[in-house]
Structures are given as C-alpha cells and as structure tokens.
PDB file of all heavy atoms in Angstrom:
ATOM      1  N   ILE A   1    -106.479 -41.393  74.820  1.00  0.00           N
ATOM      2  CA  ILE A   1    -107.187 -42.673  74.959  1.00  0.00           C
ATOM      3  C   ILE A   1    -108.656 -42.581  74.618  1.00  0.00           C
ATOM      4  O   ILE A   1    -109.321 -43.565  74.347  1.00  0.00           O
ATOM      5  CB  ILE A   1    -106.996 -43.264  76.364  1.00  0.00           C
ATOM      6  CG1 ILE A   1    -107.760 -42.444  77.403  1.00  0.00           C
ATOM      7  CG2 ILE A   1    -105.567 -43.411  76.726  1.00  0.00           C
ATOM      8  CD1 ILE A   1    -107.734 -43.081  78.794  1.00  0.00           C
ATOM      9  N   PHE A   2    -109.142 -41.339  74.552  1.00  0.00           N
ATOM     10  CA  PHE A   2    -110.590 -41.113  74.166  1.00  0.00           C
ATOM     11  C   PHE A   2    -110.688 -40.615  72.733  1.00  0.00           C
ATOM     12  O   PHE A   2    -111.753 -40.129  72.336  1.00  0.00           O
ATOM     13  CB  PHE A   2    -111.219 -40.097  75.096  1.00  0.00           C
ATOM     14  CG  PHE A   2    -111.195 -40.540  76.560  1.00  0.00           C
ATOM     15  CD1 PHE A   2    -110.463 -39.883  77.497  1.00  0.00           C
ATOM     16  CD2 PHE A   2    -111.978 -41.635  76.981  1.00  0.00           C
ATOM     17  CE1 PHE A   2    -110.453 -40.272  78.814  1.00  0.00           C
ATOM     18  CE2 PHE A   2    -111.983 -42.040  78.289  1.00  0.00           C
ATOM     19  CZ  PHE A   2    -111.225 -41.383  79.225  1.00  0.00           C
ATOM     20  N   SER A   3    -109.588 -40.745  71.970  1.00  0.00           N
ATOM     21  CA  SER A   3    -109.513 -40.314  70.594  1.00  0.00           C
ATOM     22  C   SER A   3    -109.849 -38.816  70.427  1.00  0.00           C
ATOM     23  O   SER A   3    -110.469 -38.406  69.441  1.00  0.00           O
ATOM     24  CB  SER A   3    -110.437 -41.167  69.662  1.00  0.00           C
ATOM     25  OG  SER A   3    -111.822 -40.936  69.915  1.00  0.00           O
ATOM     26  N   ILE A   4    -109.427 -38.018  71.399  1.00  0.00           N
ATOM     27  CA  ILE A   4    -109.562 -36.578  71.287  1.00  0.00           C
ATOM     28  C   ILE A   4    -108.279 -36.019  70.715  1.00  0.00           C
ATOM     29  O   ILE A   4    -107.195 -36.193  71.319  1.00  0.00           O
ATOM     30  CB  ILE A   4    -109.857 -35.915  72.677  1.00  0.00           C
ATOM     31  CG1 ILE A   4    -111.198 -36.454  73.205  1.00  0.00           C
ATOM     32  CG2 ILE A   4    -109.916 -34.405  72.527  1.00  0.00           C
ATOM     33  CD1 ILE A   4    -111.555 -35.974  74.613  1.00  0.00           C
ATOM     34  N   VAL A   5    -108.349 -35.363  69.582  1.00  0.00           N
ATOM     35  CA  VAL A   5    -107.176 -34.845  68.906  1.00  0.00           C
ATOM     36  C   VAL A   5    -106.659 -33.633  69.677  1.00  0.00           C
ATOM     37  O   VAL A   5    -107.401 -32.792  70.079  1.00  0.00           O
ATOM     38  CB  VAL A   5    -107.526 -34.456  67.437  1.00  0.00           C
ATOM     39  CG1 VAL A   5    -106.311 -33.886  66.745  1.00  0.00           C
ATOM     40  CG2 VAL A   5    -108.026 -35.672  66.680  1.00  0.00           C
ATOM     41  N   GLN A   6    -105.338 -33.572  69.822  1.00  0.00           N
ATOM     42  CA  GLN A   6    -104.719 -32.513  70.577  1.00  0.00           C
ATOM     43  C   GLN A   6    -103.361 -32.126  69.949  1.00  0.00           C
ATOM     44  O   GLN A   6    -102.795 -32.903  69.179  1.00  0.00           O
ATOM     45  CB  GLN A   6    -104.486 -32.919  72.034  1.00  0.00           C
ATOM     46  CG  GLN A   6    -103.550 -34.106  72.127  1.00  0.00           C
ATOM     47  CD  GLN A   6    -103.316 -34.596  73.526  1.00  0.00           C
ATOM     48  OE1 GLN A   6    -102.911 -33.773  74.353  1.00  0.00           O
ATOM     49  NE2 GLN A   6    -103.510 -35.837  73.806  1.00  0.00           N
ATOM     50  N   ASN A   7    -102.867 -30.948  70.257  1.00  0.00           N
ATOM     51  CA  ASN A   7    -101.499 -30.626  69.971  1.00  0.00           C
ATOM     52  C   ASN A   7    -100.581 -31.338  70.928  1.00  0.00           C
ATOM     53  O   ASN A   7    -100.945 -31.584  72.076  1.00  0.00           O
ATOM     54  CB  ASN A   7    -101.278 -29.107  70.037  1.00  0.00           C
ATOM     55  CG  ASN A   7    -101.936 -28.353  68.891  1.00  0.00           C
ATOM     56  OD1 ASN A   7    -102.102 -28.919  67.772  1.00  0.00           O
ATOM     57  ND2 ASN A   7    -102.347 -27.124  69.151  1.00  0.00           N
ATOM     58  N   GLN A   8     -99.377 -31.634  70.482  1.00  0.00           N
ATOM     59  CA  GLN A   8     -98.444 -32.393  71.303  1.00  0.00           C
ATOM     60  C   GLN A   8     -98.209 -31.732  72.665  1.00  0.00           C
ATOM     61  O   GLN A   8     -98.088 -32.400  73.685  1.00  0.00           O
ATOM     62  CB  GLN A   8     -97.144 -32.601  70.540  1.00  0.00           C
ATOM     63  CG  GLN A   8     -96.182 -33.531  71.255  1.00  0.00           C
ATOM     64  CD  GLN A   8     -94.928 -33.785  70.405  1.00  0.00           C
ATOM     65  OE1 GLN A   8     -94.763 -33.166  69.366  1.00  0.00           O
ATOM     66  NE2 GLN A   8     -94.087 -34.662  70.850  1.00  0.00           N
ATOM     67  N   ASN A   9     -98.223 -30.391  72.688  1.00  0.00           N
ATOM     68  CA  ASN A   9     -97.924 -29.712  73.926  1.00  0.00           C
ATOM     69  C   ASN A   9     -99.167 -29.091  74.543  1.00  0.00           C
ATOM     70  O   ASN A   9     -99.074 -28.307  75.460  1.00  0.00           O
ATOM     71  CB  ASN A   9     -96.877 -28.607  73.704  1.00  0.00           C
ATOM     72  CG  ASN A   9     -97.266 -27.687  72.558  1.00  0.00           C
ATOM     73  OD1 ASN A   9     -98.301 -27.859  71.900  1.00  0.00           O
ATOM     74  ND2 ASN A   9     -96.448 -26.695  72.248  1.00  0.00           N
ATOM     75  N   GLN A  10    -100.320 -29.470  74.070  1.00  0.00           N
ATOM     76  CA  GLN A  10    -101.587 -28.970  74.568  1.00  0.00           C
ATOM     77  C   GLN A  10    -101.630 -27.441  74.685  1.00  0.00           C
ATOM     78  O   GLN A  10    -101.985 -26.903  75.770  1.00  0.00           O
ATOM     79  CB  GLN A  10    -101.967 -29.643  75.903  1.00  0.00           C
ATOM     80  CG  GLN A  10    -102.342 -31.111  75.770  1.00  0.00           C
ATOM     81  CD  GLN A  10    -102.809 -31.721  77.083  1.00  0.00           C
ATOM     82  OE1 GLN A  10    -103.149 -31.030  78.037  1.00  0.00           O
ATOM     83  NE2 GLN A  10    -102.881 -33.039  77.108  1.00  0.00           N
ATOM     84  N   THR A  11    -101.287 -26.752  73.650  1.00  0.00           N
ATOM     85  CA  THR A  11    -101.355 -25.317  73.557  1.00  0.00           C
ATOM     86  C   THR A  11    -102.232 -24.937  72.394  1.00  0.00           C
ATOM     87  O   THR A  11    -102.752 -25.733  71.677  1.00  0.00           O
ATOM     88  CB  THR A  11     -99.937 -24.676  73.366  1.00  0.00           C
ATOM     89  OG1 THR A  11     -99.431 -25.084  72.088  1.00  0.00           O
ATOM     90  CG2 THR A  11     -98.992 -25.124  74.443  1.00  0.00           C
ATOM     91  N   PHE A  12    -102.409 -23.614  72.246  1.00  0.00           N
ATOM     92  CA  PHE A  12    -103.284 -23.095  71.179  1.00  0.00           C
ATOM     93  C   PHE A  12    -102.639 -23.302  69.795  1.00  0.00           C
ATOM     94  O   PHE A  12    -103.326 -23.261  68.795  1.00  0.00           O
ATOM     95  CB  PHE A  12    -103.588 -21.598  71.377  1.00  0.00           C
ATOM     96  CG  PHE A  12    -104.574 -21.353  72.486  1.00  0.00           C
ATOM     97  CD1 PHE A  12    -104.386 -20.339  73.387  1.00  0.00           C
ATOM     98  CD2 PHE A  12    -105.745 -22.125  72.607  1.00  0.00           C
ATOM     99  CE1 PHE A  12    -105.242 -20.069  74.403  1.00  0.00           C
ATOM    100  CE2 PHE A  12    -106.663 -21.862  73.622  1.00  0.00           C
ATOM    101  CZ  PHE A  12    -106.378 -20.830  74.525  1.00  0.00           C
ATOM    102  N   ARG A  13    -101.316 -23.470  69.765  1.00  0.00           N
ATOM    103  CA  ARG A  13    -100.609 -23.602  68.487  1.00  0.00           C
ATOM    104  C   ARG A  13     -99.965 -24.961  68.388  1.00  0.00           C
ATOM    105  O   ARG A  13     -99.390 -25.465  69.357  1.00  0.00           O
ATOM    106  CB  ARG A  13     -99.536 -22.515  68.358  1.00  0.00           C
ATOM    107  CG  ARG A  13    -100.046 -21.117  68.299  1.00  0.00           C
ATOM    108  CD  ARG A  13     -98.909 -20.177  67.882  1.00  0.00           C
ATOM    109  NE  ARG A  13     -97.789 -20.231  68.836  1.00  0.00           N
ATOM    110  CZ  ARG A  13     -97.517 -19.317  69.709  1.00  0.00           C
ATOM    111  NH1 ARG A  13     -98.297 -18.273  69.839  1.00  0.00           N
ATOM    112  NH2 ARG A  13     -96.457 -19.433  70.524  1.00  0.00           N
ATOM    113  N   GLY A  14    -100.071 -25.590  67.178  1.00  0.00           N
ATOM    114  CA  GLY A  14     -99.436 -26.886  66.988  1.00  0.00           C
ATOM    115  C   GLY A  14     -99.864 -27.492  65.685  1.00  0.00           C
ATOM    116  O   GLY A  14    -100.550 -26.887  64.838  1.00  0.00           O
ATOM    117  N   GLY A  15     -99.416 -28.719  65.472  1.00  0.00           N
ATOM    118  CA  GLY A  15     -99.640 -29.389  64.218  1.00  0.00           C
ATOM    119  C   GLY A  15    -101.067 -29.818  63.913  1.00  0.00           C
ATOM    120  O   GLY A  15    -101.448 -29.974  62.766  1.00  0.00           O
ATOM    121  N   ASN A  16    -101.898 -29.984  64.966  1.00  0.00           N
ATOM    122  CA  ASN A  16    -103.282 -30.416  64.774  1.00  0.00           C
ATOM    123  C   ASN A  16    -104.250 -29.256  64.747  1.00  0.00           C
ATOM    124  O   ASN A  16    -105.265 -29.312  64.085  1.00  0.00           O
ATOM    125  CB  ASN A  16    -103.699 -31.412  65.857  1.00  0.00           C
ATOM    126  CG  ASN A  16    -103.028 -32.774  65.591  1.00  0.00           C
ATOM    127  OD1 ASN A  16    -102.825 -33.192  64.470  1.00  0.00           O
ATOM    128  ND2 ASN A  16    -102.738 -33.463  66.687  1.00  0.00           N
ATOM    129  N   ILE A  17    -103.973 -28.208  65.512  1.00  0.00           N
ATOM    130  CA  ILE A  17    -104.884 -27.026  65.513  1.00  0.00           C
ATOM    131  C   ILE A  17    -104.036 -25.807  65.932  1.00  0.00           C
ATOM    132  O   ILE A  17    -103.241 -25.888  66.885  1.00  0.00           O
ATOM    133  CB  ILE A  17    -106.096 -27.221  66.386  1.00  0.00           C
ATOM    134  CG1 ILE A  17    -107.015 -25.968  66.315  1.00  0.00           C
ATOM    135  CG2 ILE A  17    -105.690 -27.544  67.855  1.00  0.00           C
ATOM    136  CD1 ILE A  17    -108.340 -26.166  66.967  1.00  0.00           C
ATOM    137  N   THR A  18    -104.243 -24.719  65.233  1.00  0.00           N
ATOM    138  CA  THR A  18    -103.661 -23.438  65.648  1.00  0.00           C
ATOM    139  C   THR A  18    -104.701 -22.381  65.631  1.00  0.00           C
ATOM    140  O   THR A  18    -105.426 -22.207  64.633  1.00  0.00           O
ATOM    141  CB  THR A  18    -102.476 -23.042  64.744  1.00  0.00           C
ATOM    142  OG1 THR A  18    -101.381 -23.935  64.922  1.00  0.00           O
ATOM    143  CG2 THR A  18    -102.008 -21.643  64.995  1.00  0.00           C
ATOM    144  N   LEU A  19    -104.823 -21.688  66.732  1.00  0.00           N
ATOM    145  CA  LEU A  19    -105.757 -20.562  66.853  1.00  0.00           C
ATOM    146  C   LEU A  19    -104.931 -19.262  66.695  1.00  0.00           C
ATOM    147  O   LEU A  19    -103.995 -19.027  67.496  1.00  0.00           O
ATOM    148  CB  LEU A  19    -106.469 -20.564  68.194  1.00  0.00           C
ATOM    149  CG  LEU A  19    -107.567 -19.530  68.433  1.00  0.00           C
ATOM    150  CD1 LEU A  19    -108.726 -19.734  67.494  1.00  0.00           C
ATOM    151  CD2 LEU A  19    -108.031 -19.577  69.858  1.00  0.00           C
ATOM    152  N   PHE A  20    -105.209 -18.499  65.693  1.00  0.00           N
ATOM    153  CA  PHE A  20    -104.430 -17.299  65.383  1.00  0.00           C
ATOM    154  C   PHE A  20    -105.076 -16.085  66.100  1.00  0.00           C
ATOM    155  O   PHE A  20    -106.161 -15.651  65.684  1.00  0.00           O
ATOM    156  CB  PHE A  20    -104.350 -17.041  63.903  1.00  0.00           C
ATOM    157  CG  PHE A  20    -103.596 -18.105  63.132  1.00  0.00           C
ATOM    158  CD1 PHE A  20    -104.272 -19.228  62.679  1.00  0.00           C
ATOM    159  CD2 PHE A  20    -102.267 -17.980  62.913  1.00  0.00           C
ATOM    160  CE1 PHE A  20    -103.546 -20.218  61.967  1.00  0.00           C
ATOM    161  CE2 PHE A  20    -101.545 -18.943  62.202  1.00  0.00           C
ATOM    162  CZ  PHE A  20    -102.199 -20.066  61.733  1.00  0.00           C
ATOM    163  N   PRO A  21    -104.446 -15.516  67.119  1.00  0.00           N
ATOM    164  CA  PRO A  21    -105.025 -14.422  67.854  1.00  0.00           C
ATOM    165  C   PRO A  21    -104.921 -13.089  67.145  1.00  0.00           C
ATOM    166  O   PRO A  21    -103.922 -12.845  66.426  1.00  0.00           O
ATOM    167  CB  PRO A  21    -104.238 -14.398  69.174  1.00  0.00           C
ATOM    168  CG  PRO A  21    -102.900 -14.956  68.774  1.00  0.00           C
ATOM    169  CD  PRO A  21    -103.162 -15.963  67.673  1.00  0.00           C
ATOM    170  N   HIS A  22    -105.882 -12.201  67.336  1.00  0.00           N
ATOM    171  CA  HIS A  22    -105.882 -10.937  66.586  1.00  0.00           C
ATOM    172  C   HIS A  22    -104.762 -10.040  67.030  1.00  0.00           C
ATOM    173  O   HIS A  22    -104.293  -9.208  66.257  1.00  0.00           O
ATOM    174  CB  HIS A  22    -107.234 -10.255  66.774  1.00  0.00           C
ATOM    175  CG  HIS A  22    -107.452  -9.645  68.138  1.00  0.00           C
ATOM    176  ND1 HIS A  22    -107.811 -10.396  69.221  1.00  0.00           N
ATOM    177  CD2 HIS A  22    -107.323  -8.368  68.565  1.00  0.00           C
ATOM    178  CE1 HIS A  22    -107.940  -9.619  70.253  1.00  0.00           C
ATOM    179  NE2 HIS A  22    -107.645  -8.365  69.917  1.00  0.00           N
ATOM    180  N   LYS A  23    -104.283 -10.171  68.234  1.00  0.00           N
ATOM    181  CA  LYS A  23    -103.260  -9.210  68.761  1.00  0.00           C
ATOM    182  C   LYS A  23    -101.862  -9.528  68.214  1.00  0.00           C
ATOM    183  O   LYS A  23    -100.971  -8.648  68.260  1.00  0.00           O
ATOM    184  CB  LYS A  23    -103.263  -9.247  70.260  1.00  0.00           C
ATOM    185  CG  LYS A  23    -104.478  -8.624  70.908  1.00  0.00           C
ATOM    186  CD  LYS A  23    -104.335  -8.430  72.365  1.00  0.00           C
ATOM    187  CE  LYS A  23    -105.577  -7.747  72.978  1.00  0.00           C
ATOM    188  NZ  LYS A  23    -105.836  -6.421  72.466  1.00  0.00           N
ATOM    189  N   SER A  24    -101.604 -10.723  67.703  1.00  0.00           N
ATOM    190  CA  SER A  24    -100.261 -11.027  67.283  1.00  0.00           C
ATOM    191  C   SER A  24    -100.201 -11.605  65.853  1.00  0.00           C
ATOM    192  O   SER A  24     -99.077 -11.712  65.318  1.00  0.00           O
ATOM    193  CB  SER A  24     -99.641 -12.051  68.225  1.00  0.00           C
ATOM    194  OG  SER A  24    -100.452 -13.209  68.424  1.00  0.00           O
ATOM    195  N   PHE A  25    -101.354 -11.949  65.279  1.00  0.00           N
ATOM    196  CA  PHE A  25    -101.307 -12.495  63.929  1.00  0.00           C
ATOM    197  C   PHE A  25    -101.473 -11.360  62.916  1.00  0.00           C
ATOM    198  O   PHE A  25    -102.570 -10.935  62.604  1.00  0.00           O
ATOM    199  CB  PHE A  25    -102.449 -13.510  63.755  1.00  0.00           C
ATOM    200  CG  PHE A  25    -102.447 -14.203  62.390  1.00  0.00           C
ATOM    201  CD1 PHE A  25    -101.311 -14.728  61.854  1.00  0.00           C
ATOM    202  CD2 PHE A  25    -103.620 -14.308  61.681  1.00  0.00           C
ATOM    203  CE1 PHE A  25    -101.311 -15.335  60.618  1.00  0.00           C
ATOM    204  CE2 PHE A  25    -103.650 -14.939  60.459  1.00  0.00           C
ATOM    205  CZ  PHE A  25    -102.469 -15.439  59.917  1.00  0.00           C
ATOM    206  N   GLY A  26    -100.356 -10.917  62.399  1.00  0.00           N
ATOM    207  CA  GLY A  26    -100.373  -9.801  61.459  1.00  0.00           C
ATOM    208  C   GLY A  26    -100.587  -8.481  62.195  1.00  0.00           C
ATOM    209  O   GLY A  26    -100.320  -8.325  63.387  1.00  0.00           O
ATOM    210  N   LEU A  27    -101.070  -7.492  61.437  1.00  0.00           N
ATOM    211  CA  LEU A  27    -101.308  -6.149  61.980  1.00  0.00           C
ATOM    212  C   LEU A  27    -102.795  -5.878  61.816  1.00  0.00           C
ATOM    213  O   LEU A  27    -103.244  -5.208  60.916  1.00  0.00           O
ATOM    214  CB  LEU A  27    -100.474  -5.088  61.273  1.00  0.00           C
ATOM    215  CG  LEU A  27     -98.956  -5.301  61.340  1.00  0.00           C
ATOM    216  CD1 LEU A  27     -98.244  -4.228  60.492  1.00  0.00           C
ATOM    217  CD2 LEU A  27     -98.477  -5.274  62.787  1.00  0.00           C
ATOM    218  N   TYR A  28    -103.560  -6.406  62.743  1.00  0.00           N
ATOM    219  CA  TYR A  28    -105.030  -6.349  62.681  1.00  0.00           C
ATOM    220  C   TYR A  28    -105.521  -4.960  63.038  1.00  0.00           C
ATOM    221  O   TYR A  28    -105.253  -4.493  64.137  1.00  0.00           O
ATOM    222  CB  TYR A  28    -105.589  -7.424  63.634  1.00  0.00           C
ATOM    223  CG  TYR A  28    -107.110  -7.466  63.736  1.00  0.00           C
ATOM    224  CD1 TYR A  28    -107.893  -7.695  62.591  1.00  0.00           C
ATOM    225  CD2 TYR A  28    -107.734  -7.327  64.985  1.00  0.00           C
ATOM    226  CE1 TYR A  28    -109.269  -7.779  62.715  1.00  0.00           C
ATOM    227  CE2 TYR A  28    -109.131  -7.444  65.088  1.00  0.00           C
ATOM    228  CZ  TYR A  28    -109.890  -7.652  63.973  1.00  0.00           C
ATOM    229  OH  TYR A  28    -111.265  -7.773  64.054  1.00  0.00           O
ATOM    230  N   PRO A  29    -106.234  -4.303  62.159  1.00  0.00           N
ATOM    231  CA  PRO A  29    -106.745  -2.967  62.457  1.00  0.00           C
ATOM    232  C   PRO A  29    -107.985  -3.059  63.398  1.00  0.00           C
ATOM    233  O   PRO A  29    -108.897  -3.846  63.132  1.00  0.00           O
ATOM    234  CB  PRO A  29    -107.152  -2.382  61.124  1.00  0.00           C
ATOM    235  CG  PRO A  29    -107.451  -3.609  60.273  1.00  0.00           C
ATOM    236  CD  PRO A  29    -106.540  -4.674  60.757  1.00  0.00           C
ATOM    237  N   GLU A  30    -107.975  -2.320  64.489  1.00  0.00           N
ATOM    238  CA  GLU A  30    -109.060  -2.333  65.423  1.00  0.00           C
ATOM    239  C   GLU A  30    -108.999  -1.082  66.314  1.00  0.00           C
ATOM    240  O   GLU A  30    -108.031  -0.323  66.230  1.00  0.00           O
ATOM    241  CB  GLU A  30    -108.984  -3.572  66.330  1.00  0.00           C
ATOM    242  CG  GLU A  30    -107.702  -3.669  67.137  1.00  0.00           C
ATOM    243  CD  GLU A  30    -107.699  -4.853  68.108  1.00  0.00           C
ATOM    244  OE1 GLU A  30    -108.783  -5.299  68.491  1.00  0.00           O
ATOM    245  OE2 GLU A  30    -106.571  -5.291  68.458  1.00  0.00           O
ATOM    246  N   TYR A  31    -110.027  -0.889  67.140  1.00  0.00           N
ATOM    247  CA  TYR A  31    -110.002   0.138  68.154  1.00  0.00           C
ATOM    248  C   TYR A  31    -109.854  -0.529  69.527  1.00  0.00           C
ATOM    249  O   TYR A  31    -110.409  -1.607  69.767  1.00  0.00           O
ATOM    250  CB  TYR A  31    -111.276   0.969  68.127  1.00  0.00           C
ATOM    251  CG  TYR A  31    -111.351   1.894  66.961  1.00  0.00           C
ATOM    252  CD1 TYR A  31    -112.201   1.654  65.884  1.00  0.00           C
ATOM    253  CD2 TYR A  31    -110.572   3.078  66.898  1.00  0.00           C
ATOM    254  CE1 TYR A  31    -112.284   2.531  64.803  1.00  0.00           C
ATOM    255  CE2 TYR A  31    -110.642   3.956  65.836  1.00  0.00           C
ATOM    256  CZ  TYR A  31    -111.497   3.673  64.814  1.00  0.00           C
ATOM    257  OH  TYR A  31    -111.558   4.540  63.729  1.00  0.00           O
ATOM    258  N   SER A  32    -109.179   0.134  70.435  1.00  0.00           N
ATOM    259  CA  SER A  32    -109.098  -0.329  71.781  1.00  0.00           C
ATOM    260  C   SER A  32    -110.423  -0.089  72.492  1.00  0.00           C
ATOM    261  O   SER A  32    -111.322   0.561  71.942  1.00  0.00           O
ATOM    262  CB  SER A  32    -107.969   0.383  72.536  1.00  0.00           C
ATOM    263  OG  SER A  32    -108.325   1.734  72.767  1.00  0.00           O
TER     264      SER A  32
END
C-alpha cells in the first residue's frame, strides 16, 4: 500500500529482487 516493491514471499530471493550470497552462489574463492 506504500508502493514498496517486494518479493511475493518477502525473502532474499524472488522475481523483484534476488541477493546472491557468497556462500552458495557458485564456488566463491575466499579464506575463512
């Protein structure tokens, strides 16, 4: 009602916005 765009299920992933985390999106090289 305030024209704030959201995903249908209000999660990080969906049709309006997806945030791709480094731990699961591909094989991201890093140090612990």
